[in-house]
Amino acid sequence: MRQFLLHGITTKAVPSIVMAQLFEVAEDWELPAEARGEGSTGYPMRPRHRVNVPRKKGERATDREIVALFLAARNARDRFIVLLLGRAGLRPGGAAGLRREDMHFMPDSTPLGCPKQRSHLHTLRRDNANGAWAKRQPEVAPGRWKPVDHLVVQAYDQYVLERTALPHGLVSDFVLVNLFAAPLGAPMTADAITELLGRLSMRAGLERNVTPRMLRRAMGSSLSDAGAGLDEVSVLLDHARLASSEPYLTPAADRLRSAVEAVPSPRELEGPR
């Protein structure tokens, strides 16, 4: 709406007095050149009205649901996808964009030219044929890396064995490919991963459809339950700001009770020793 009124001001269709109702003097970088005037001082005009949209805490997938999805999977690839999203916290686009060269599941990756130690994977922002797109690529870390645990590594090893046994298994350099449905050997899309979770939810008899975001929230909450700080959760979930990680933190009920029980009693209430 602001841009519409600014256009009206520059074309003289709207009185210029409206400008003062929309903006306060700050800096003029948000204004079009026509609205700055010839004598612009470089101080921006900051919008007076902003809509604050509160971040809502969404639902997290429970451990029971993650196990149910894992058990409902009928092949190693699908089991690996469940763990990739639920224990590594990847978005569907980041998972679909993984290449085999990004999987550094060895104690030492220096032979691959990577200084990071122990098992991890890299999420790079590429122009992928399947339309997969890593959401964020920090300038300071062009090769974003993410540590993974032994469950993810074991699931990947089983998937590789399953994949290499098929004639079309190694056609593509993408990690996640179509193994049992056409087009065989083609990379999976982010939408296909989301649809897979929907099918697994139904097959497992869950009362709700578990989405990739619910698995990411489970990852963030599990990290917090295990004692990880907000800064660590933010980095592991690839968030640009700490505040972006807050909606993903949904403490487990037993953690809330443990937090209360960990508070020491005041000395005067303990009674004589």
Protein backbone atom coordinates (compact mmCIF):
# COMPACT_ATOMS: atom_id res chain seq x y z
CA MET A 1 0.00 0.00 0.00
CA ARG A 2 2.89 2.37 0.80
CA GLN A 3 4.39 1.82 -2.62
CA PHE A 4 1.02 2.46 -4.24
CA LEU A 5 0.66 5.79 -2.43
CA LEU A 6 4.28 6.72 -3.18
CA HIS A 7 3.54 6.18 -6.85
CA GLY A 8 0.53 8.46 -6.51
CA ILE A 9 2.68 11.15 -4.86
CA THR A 10 5.33 11.05 -7.57
CA THR A 11 2.66 11.29 -10.28
CA LYS A 12 0.89 14.15 -8.43
CA ALA A 13 -2.28 12.07 -8.10
CA VAL A 14 -1.96 12.01 -4.30
CA PRO A 15 -1.29 15.13 -2.14
CA SER A 16 2.30 15.33 -0.92
CA ILE A 17 1.06 15.78 2.65
CA VAL A 18 0.36 12.04 2.69
CA MET A 19 4.14 11.51 2.74
CA ALA A 20 4.36 12.79 6.32
CA GLN A 21 1.65 10.37 7.39
CA LEU A 22 3.48 7.42 5.89
CA PHE A 23 7.08 8.15 6.82
CA GLU A 24 9.18 9.82 9.47
CA VAL A 25 12.58 11.32 8.71
CA ALA A 26 15.33 8.77 8.99
CA GLU A 27 17.07 7.85 5.76
CA ASP A 28 15.81 7.97 2.21
CA TRP A 29 17.09 4.62 0.94
CA GLU A 30 13.56 3.17 1.01
CA LEU A 31 12.19 5.92 -1.18
CA PRO A 32 12.30 6.03 -4.96
CA ALA A 33 14.54 8.69 -6.47
CA GLU A 34 11.52 10.73 -7.58
CA ALA A 35 10.32 11.04 -4.00
CA ARG A 36 13.63 12.17 -2.56
CA GLY A 37 13.80 15.56 -4.24
CA GLU A 38 16.80 17.42 -5.58
CA GLY A 39 18.00 18.57 -2.19
CA SER A 40 17.96 15.17 -0.53
CA THR A 41 20.22 15.01 2.52
CA GLY A 42 20.50 11.23 2.48
CA TYR A 43 18.43 10.83 5.65
CA PRO A 44 15.92 8.03 5.07
CA MET A 45 12.22 8.25 5.50
CA ARG A 46 11.39 5.39 7.82
CA PRO A 47 7.87 3.92 7.52
CA ARG A 48 5.69 4.95 10.46
CA HIS A 49 3.46 1.91 10.37
CA ARG A 50 4.67 -1.66 10.48
CA VAL A 51 2.69 -4.82 11.03
CA ASN A 52 4.24 -6.96 13.72
CA VAL A 53 3.54 -10.58 12.94
CA PRO A 54 4.22 -12.72 16.03
CA ARG A 55 6.20 -15.89 15.50
CA LYS A 56 4.11 -18.85 16.54
CA LYS A 57 5.52 -21.97 18.05
CA GLY A 58 4.52 -24.73 15.69
CA GLU A 59 4.02 -28.35 16.50
CA ARG A 60 7.03 -30.63 16.66
CA ALA A 61 7.09 -34.24 15.61
CA THR A 62 7.33 -36.47 18.65
CA ASP A 63 9.94 -39.18 19.04
CA ARG A 64 7.16 -41.75 18.72
CA GLU A 65 6.07 -40.27 15.41
CA ILE A 66 9.62 -40.20 14.04
CA VAL A 67 10.11 -43.86 14.97
CA ALA A 68 6.74 -44.69 13.38
CA LEU A 69 7.74 -42.96 10.14
CA PHE A 70 11.05 -44.80 10.15
CA LEU A 71 9.38 -48.19 10.65
CA ALA A 72 6.75 -47.44 8.00
CA ALA A 73 9.43 -46.84 5.35
CA ARG A 74 9.75 -49.75 2.95
CA ASN A 75 13.24 -49.06 1.68
CA ALA A 76 16.57 -47.72 2.92
CA ARG A 77 16.26 -44.47 0.99
CA ASP A 78 13.04 -43.47 2.73
CA ARG A 79 14.44 -44.39 6.13
CA PHE A 80 17.47 -42.23 5.39
CA ILE A 81 15.21 -39.30 4.43
CA VAL A 82 13.34 -39.52 7.75
CA LEU A 83 16.60 -39.33 9.69
CA LEU A 84 18.08 -36.68 7.39
CA LEU A 85 15.22 -34.34 8.22
CA GLY A 86 14.54 -35.46 11.78
CA ARG A 87 18.10 -35.75 13.09
CA ALA A 88 20.06 -33.44 10.80
CA GLY A 89 17.33 -30.81 10.53
CA LEU A 90 17.55 -30.31 6.76
CA ARG A 91 14.81 -28.57 4.80
CA PRO A 92 13.35 -30.54 1.87
CA GLY A 93 15.10 -28.23 -0.59
CA GLY A 94 18.44 -28.69 1.11
CA ALA A 95 18.03 -32.47 1.23
CA ALA A 96 16.96 -32.72 -2.42
CA GLY A 97 19.95 -30.60 -3.47
CA LEU A 98 22.58 -32.80 -1.81
CA ARG A 99 25.22 -34.35 -4.06
CA ARG A 100 27.24 -37.44 -3.27
CA GLU A 101 30.36 -35.29 -2.98
CA ASP A 102 28.70 -33.41 -0.09
CA MET A 103 28.55 -36.48 2.15
CA HIS A 104 31.72 -36.60 4.25
CA PHE A 105 30.93 -39.58 6.45
CA MET A 106 34.49 -40.48 7.41
CA PRO A 107 36.61 -39.81 10.53
CA ASP A 108 38.99 -37.72 8.43
CA SER A 109 37.91 -35.77 5.32
CA THR A 110 41.26 -34.14 4.54
CA PRO A 111 41.79 -36.44 1.50
CA LEU A 112 38.67 -34.75 0.10
CA GLY A 113 40.14 -31.31 0.71
CA CYS A 114 37.87 -30.69 3.72
CA PRO A 115 39.40 -29.72 7.08
CA LYS A 116 36.29 -30.68 9.09
CA GLN A 117 36.68 -33.74 11.24
CA ARG A 118 34.26 -36.62 11.83
CA SER A 119 31.01 -37.29 10.00
CA HIS A 120 29.30 -34.28 8.46
CA LEU A 121 27.63 -33.09 5.28
CA HIS A 122 27.75 -29.88 3.25
CA THR A 123 24.73 -27.95 1.97
CA LEU A 124 25.65 -25.77 -0.98
CA ARG A 125 23.42 -23.39 -2.88
CA ARG A 126 23.43 -24.57 -6.47
CA ASP A 127 21.35 -24.21 -9.60
CA ASN A 128 19.91 -27.73 -9.49
CA ALA A 129 18.07 -29.46 -12.30
CA ASN A 130 15.35 -30.64 -9.88
CA GLY A 131 14.66 -27.11 -8.66
CA ALA A 132 16.03 -27.81 -5.18
CA TRP A 133 17.36 -24.71 -3.50
CA ALA A 134 19.18 -24.25 -0.21
CA LYS A 135 17.32 -21.46 1.55
CA ARG A 136 20.28 -19.61 3.00
CA GLN A 137 23.92 -19.39 2.03
CA PRO A 138 25.94 -17.15 4.35
CA GLU A 139 28.72 -15.15 2.71
CA VAL A 140 31.06 -16.00 5.56
CA ALA A 141 30.52 -19.74 5.11
CA PRO A 142 30.10 -20.55 1.40
CA GLY A 143 30.44 -24.26 2.21
CA ARG A 144 27.90 -24.69 5.01
CA TRP A 145 28.63 -27.90 6.92
CA LYS A 146 26.46 -29.81 9.36
CA PRO A 147 27.62 -32.56 11.75
CA VAL A 148 25.57 -35.76 11.74
CA ASP A 149 25.32 -38.64 14.20
CA HIS A 150 25.93 -42.36 13.75
CA LEU A 151 22.25 -43.09 13.01
CA VAL A 152 22.32 -40.87 9.94
CA VAL A 153 25.61 -42.43 8.82
CA GLN A 154 24.30 -45.99 9.23
CA ALA A 155 21.11 -45.15 7.34
CA TYR A 156 23.14 -43.63 4.51
CA ASP A 157 25.40 -46.69 4.29
CA GLN A 158 22.35 -48.95 3.93
CA TYR A 159 20.90 -46.63 1.32
CA VAL A 160 24.13 -46.68 -0.70
CA LEU A 161 24.10 -50.48 -0.70
CA GLU A 162 20.48 -50.47 -1.87
CA ARG A 163 21.18 -47.89 -4.53
CA THR A 164 24.31 -49.47 -6.00
CA ALA A 165 22.47 -52.79 -6.43
CA LEU A 166 20.16 -51.19 -9.00
CA PRO A 167 21.25 -50.57 -12.63
CA HIS A 168 20.06 -46.96 -12.51
CA GLY A 169 21.30 -46.30 -8.98
CA LEU A 170 24.46 -44.40 -9.89
CA VAL A 171 23.20 -42.53 -12.95
CA SER A 172 22.82 -39.28 -11.03
CA ASP A 173 25.24 -37.47 -8.75
CA PHE A 174 22.36 -36.38 -6.50
CA VAL A 175 22.08 -38.15 -3.16
CA LEU A 176 18.31 -38.66 -3.25
CA VAL A 177 17.09 -40.21 -6.49
CA ASN A 178 14.06 -42.11 -7.77
CA LEU A 179 14.81 -45.79 -7.26
CA PHE A 180 11.41 -47.42 -7.70
CA ALA A 181 9.32 -44.95 -9.69
CA ALA A 182 9.75 -43.16 -13.00
CA PRO A 183 11.82 -41.39 -14.02
CA LEU A 184 14.24 -43.94 -12.61
CA GLY A 185 17.57 -42.53 -11.49
CA ALA A 186 16.37 -38.90 -11.64
CA PRO A 187 16.90 -36.67 -8.60
CA MET A 188 13.99 -36.36 -6.17
CA THR A 189 12.33 -32.99 -5.77
CA ALA A 190 11.55 -31.16 -2.53
CA ASP A 191 7.83 -31.70 -3.14
CA ALA A 192 8.42 -35.43 -3.54
CA ILE A 193 10.06 -35.53 -0.10
CA THR A 194 7.07 -33.74 1.45
CA GLU A 195 4.66 -36.11 -0.28
CA LEU A 196 6.68 -39.09 0.93
CA LEU A 197 6.27 -37.98 4.55
CA GLY A 198 2.52 -37.72 3.98
CA ARG A 199 2.38 -41.29 2.69
CA LEU A 200 4.51 -42.56 5.56
CA SER A 201 2.25 -40.78 8.06
CA MET A 202 -0.80 -42.56 6.63
CA ARG A 203 0.97 -45.91 6.42
CA ALA A 204 2.12 -45.61 10.04
CA GLY A 205 -1.44 -44.86 11.16
CA LEU A 206 -0.53 -41.53 12.71
CA GLU A 207 -3.32 -39.20 13.77
CA ARG A 208 -1.78 -36.28 11.90
CA ASN A 209 0.35 -35.65 8.85
CA VAL A 210 3.98 -35.14 9.85
CA THR A 211 5.59 -32.45 7.69
CA PRO A 212 9.27 -31.62 7.08
CA ARG A 213 8.93 -28.51 9.24
CA MET A 214 7.63 -30.62 12.13
CA LEU A 215 10.74 -32.77 11.83
CA ARG A 216 12.94 -29.66 11.86
CA ARG A 217 11.14 -28.43 14.96
CA ALA A 218 11.76 -31.82 16.55
CA MET A 219 15.45 -31.46 15.75
CA GLY A 220 15.62 -27.96 17.24
CA SER A 221 13.70 -28.96 20.35
CA SER A 222 15.77 -32.11 20.84
CA LEU A 223 18.95 -30.05 20.64
CA SER A 224 17.60 -27.67 23.25
CA ASP A 225 16.44 -30.56 25.45
CA ALA A 226 19.97 -31.96 25.28
CA GLY A 227 21.40 -28.67 26.57
CA ALA A 228 22.35 -26.91 23.33
CA GLY A 229 22.26 -23.12 23.46
CA LEU A 230 20.15 -20.96 21.18
CA ASP A 231 23.26 -19.97 19.21
CA GLU A 232 24.07 -23.63 18.53
CA VAL A 233 20.50 -24.41 17.51
CA SER A 234 20.50 -21.40 15.19
CA VAL A 235 23.67 -22.51 13.40
CA LEU A 236 22.63 -26.16 13.12
CA LEU A 237 19.26 -25.17 11.62
CA ASP A 238 20.87 -22.63 9.25
CA HIS A 239 19.02 -19.63 10.62
CA ALA A 240 20.28 -16.15 9.80
CA ARG A 241 19.14 -14.73 13.16
CA LEU A 242 18.86 -16.16 16.67
CA ALA A 243 15.22 -15.07 16.83
CA SER A 244 14.42 -17.35 13.89
CA SER A 245 15.22 -20.39 16.03
CA GLU A 246 12.89 -19.52 18.91
CA PRO A 247 9.68 -20.91 17.31
CA TYR A 248 11.48 -24.23 16.83
CA LEU A 249 12.18 -24.67 20.53
CA THR A 250 9.36 -26.63 22.16
CA PRO A 251 10.70 -28.20 25.37
CA ALA A 252 9.64 -31.72 26.21
CA ALA A 253 7.38 -32.10 29.27
CA ASP A 254 9.98 -34.03 31.26
CA ARG A 255 12.51 -31.29 30.60
CA LEU A 256 10.16 -28.70 32.10
CA ARG A 257 9.75 -30.83 35.25
CA SER A 258 13.50 -31.38 35.48
CA ALA A 259 14.05 -27.63 35.23
CA VAL A 260 11.70 -27.03 38.19
CA GLU A 261 13.19 -29.83 40.28
CA ALA A 262 16.71 -28.51 39.61
CA VAL A 263 15.94 -25.24 41.43
CA PRO A 264 17.41 -25.51 44.97
CA SER A 265 15.16 -24.91 47.95
CA PRO A 266 15.71 -21.78 50.07
CA ARG A 267 17.80 -22.64 53.10
CA GLU A 268 15.21 -21.33 55.55
CA LEU A 269 12.62 -23.79 54.19
CA GLU A 270 14.82 -26.85 54.47
CA GLY A 271 14.51 -27.05 58.25
CA PRO A 272 17.19 -28.10 60.71
CA ARG A 273 19.81 -30.48 59.48
